[in-house]
């Protein structure tokens, strides 16, 4: 699994907050995920 990025719990919380903010601004889930640089699978797993 070389080259795969691991996020710390603090980074995950920040990304989820960014995602929620983008959704509140009207972006769809895939658009918000792309903007913050995560896959939808990461978003679901982190919740």
C-alpha atoms as a PDB file:
ATOM      1  CA  UNK A   1       0.000   0.000   0.000  1.00  0.00           C
ATOM      2  CA  UNK A   2       2.852   2.358  -0.687  1.00  0.00           C
ATOM      3  CA  UNK A   3       1.832   5.827  -1.755  1.00  0.00           C
ATOM      4  CA  UNK A   4      -1.451   5.763   0.098  1.00  0.00           C
ATOM      5  CA  UNK A   5      -2.127   8.736   2.354  1.00  0.00           C
ATOM      6  CA  UNK A   6      -3.226   8.151   5.929  1.00  0.00           C
ATOM      7  CA  UNK A   7      -5.189  10.875   7.666  1.00  0.00           C
ATOM      8  CA  UNK A   8      -4.901  11.564  11.382  1.00  0.00           C
ATOM      9  CA  UNK A   9      -8.148  11.768  13.379  1.00  0.00           C
ATOM     10  CA  UNK A  10      -7.733  15.558  13.551  1.00  0.00           C
ATOM     11  CA  UNK A  11      -7.376  15.800   9.780  1.00  0.00           C
ATOM     12  CA  UNK A  12     -10.497  13.674   9.312  1.00  0.00           C
ATOM     13  CA  UNK A  13     -12.540  15.980  11.543  1.00  0.00           C
ATOM     14  CA  UNK A  14     -11.325  19.027   9.601  1.00  0.00           C
ATOM     15  CA  UNK A  15     -12.183  17.390   6.258  1.00  0.00           C
ATOM     16  CA  UNK A  16     -15.665  16.397   7.461  1.00  0.00           C
ATOM     17  CA  UNK A  17     -16.341  19.952   8.658  1.00  0.00           C
ATOM     18  CA  UNK A  18     -15.152  21.345   5.326  1.00  0.00           C
ATOM     19  CA  UNK A  19     -17.411  18.858   3.554  1.00  0.00           C
ATOM     20  CA  UNK A  20     -20.448  19.850   5.625  1.00  0.00           C
ATOM     21  CA  UNK A  21     -19.749  23.541   4.967  1.00  0.00           C
ATOM     22  CA  UNK A  22     -19.508  22.962   1.206  1.00  0.00           C
ATOM     23  CA  UNK A  23     -22.767  21.002   1.219  1.00  0.00           C
ATOM     24  CA  UNK A  24     -24.447  23.845   3.112  1.00  0.00           C
ATOM     25  CA  UNK A  25     -23.260  26.158   0.328  1.00  0.00           C
ATOM     26  CA  UNK A  26     -25.142  23.996  -2.188  1.00  0.00           C
ATOM     27  CA  UNK A  27     -22.527  21.598  -3.534  1.00  0.00           C
ATOM     28  CA  UNK A  28     -23.478  17.975  -4.079  1.00  0.00           C
ATOM     29  CA  UNK A  29     -21.720  15.209  -2.147  1.00  0.00           C
ATOM     30  CA  UNK A  30     -19.465  14.214  -5.092  1.00  0.00           C
ATOM     31  CA  UNK A  31     -18.581  17.863  -5.793  1.00  0.00           C
ATOM     32  CA  UNK A  32     -17.724  18.514  -2.139  1.00  0.00           C
ATOM     33  CA  UNK A  33     -15.623  15.343  -1.923  1.00  0.00           C
ATOM     34  CA  UNK A  34     -13.695  16.293  -5.041  1.00  0.00           C
ATOM     35  CA  UNK A  35     -13.111  19.850  -3.787  1.00  0.00           C
ATOM     36  CA  UNK A  36     -11.545  18.693  -0.483  1.00  0.00           C
ATOM     37  CA  UNK A  37      -9.638  15.831  -2.100  1.00  0.00           C
ATOM     38  CA  UNK A  38     -11.300  12.713  -0.708  1.00  0.00           C
ATOM     39  CA  UNK A  39     -13.294   9.896  -2.252  1.00  0.00           C
ATOM     40  CA  UNK A  40     -16.908   9.291  -1.337  1.00  0.00           C
ATOM     41  CA  UNK A  41     -15.798   6.023   0.239  1.00  0.00           C
ATOM     42  CA  UNK A  42     -13.526   7.901   2.644  1.00  0.00           C
ATOM     43  CA  UNK A  43     -16.379  10.210   3.581  1.00  0.00           C
ATOM     44  CA  UNK A  44     -18.679   7.299   4.389  1.00  0.00           C
ATOM     45  CA  UNK A  45     -15.987   5.396   6.320  1.00  0.00           C
ATOM     46  CA  UNK A  46     -15.097   8.454   8.407  1.00  0.00           C
ATOM     47  CA  UNK A  47     -18.665   9.052   9.504  1.00  0.00           C
END
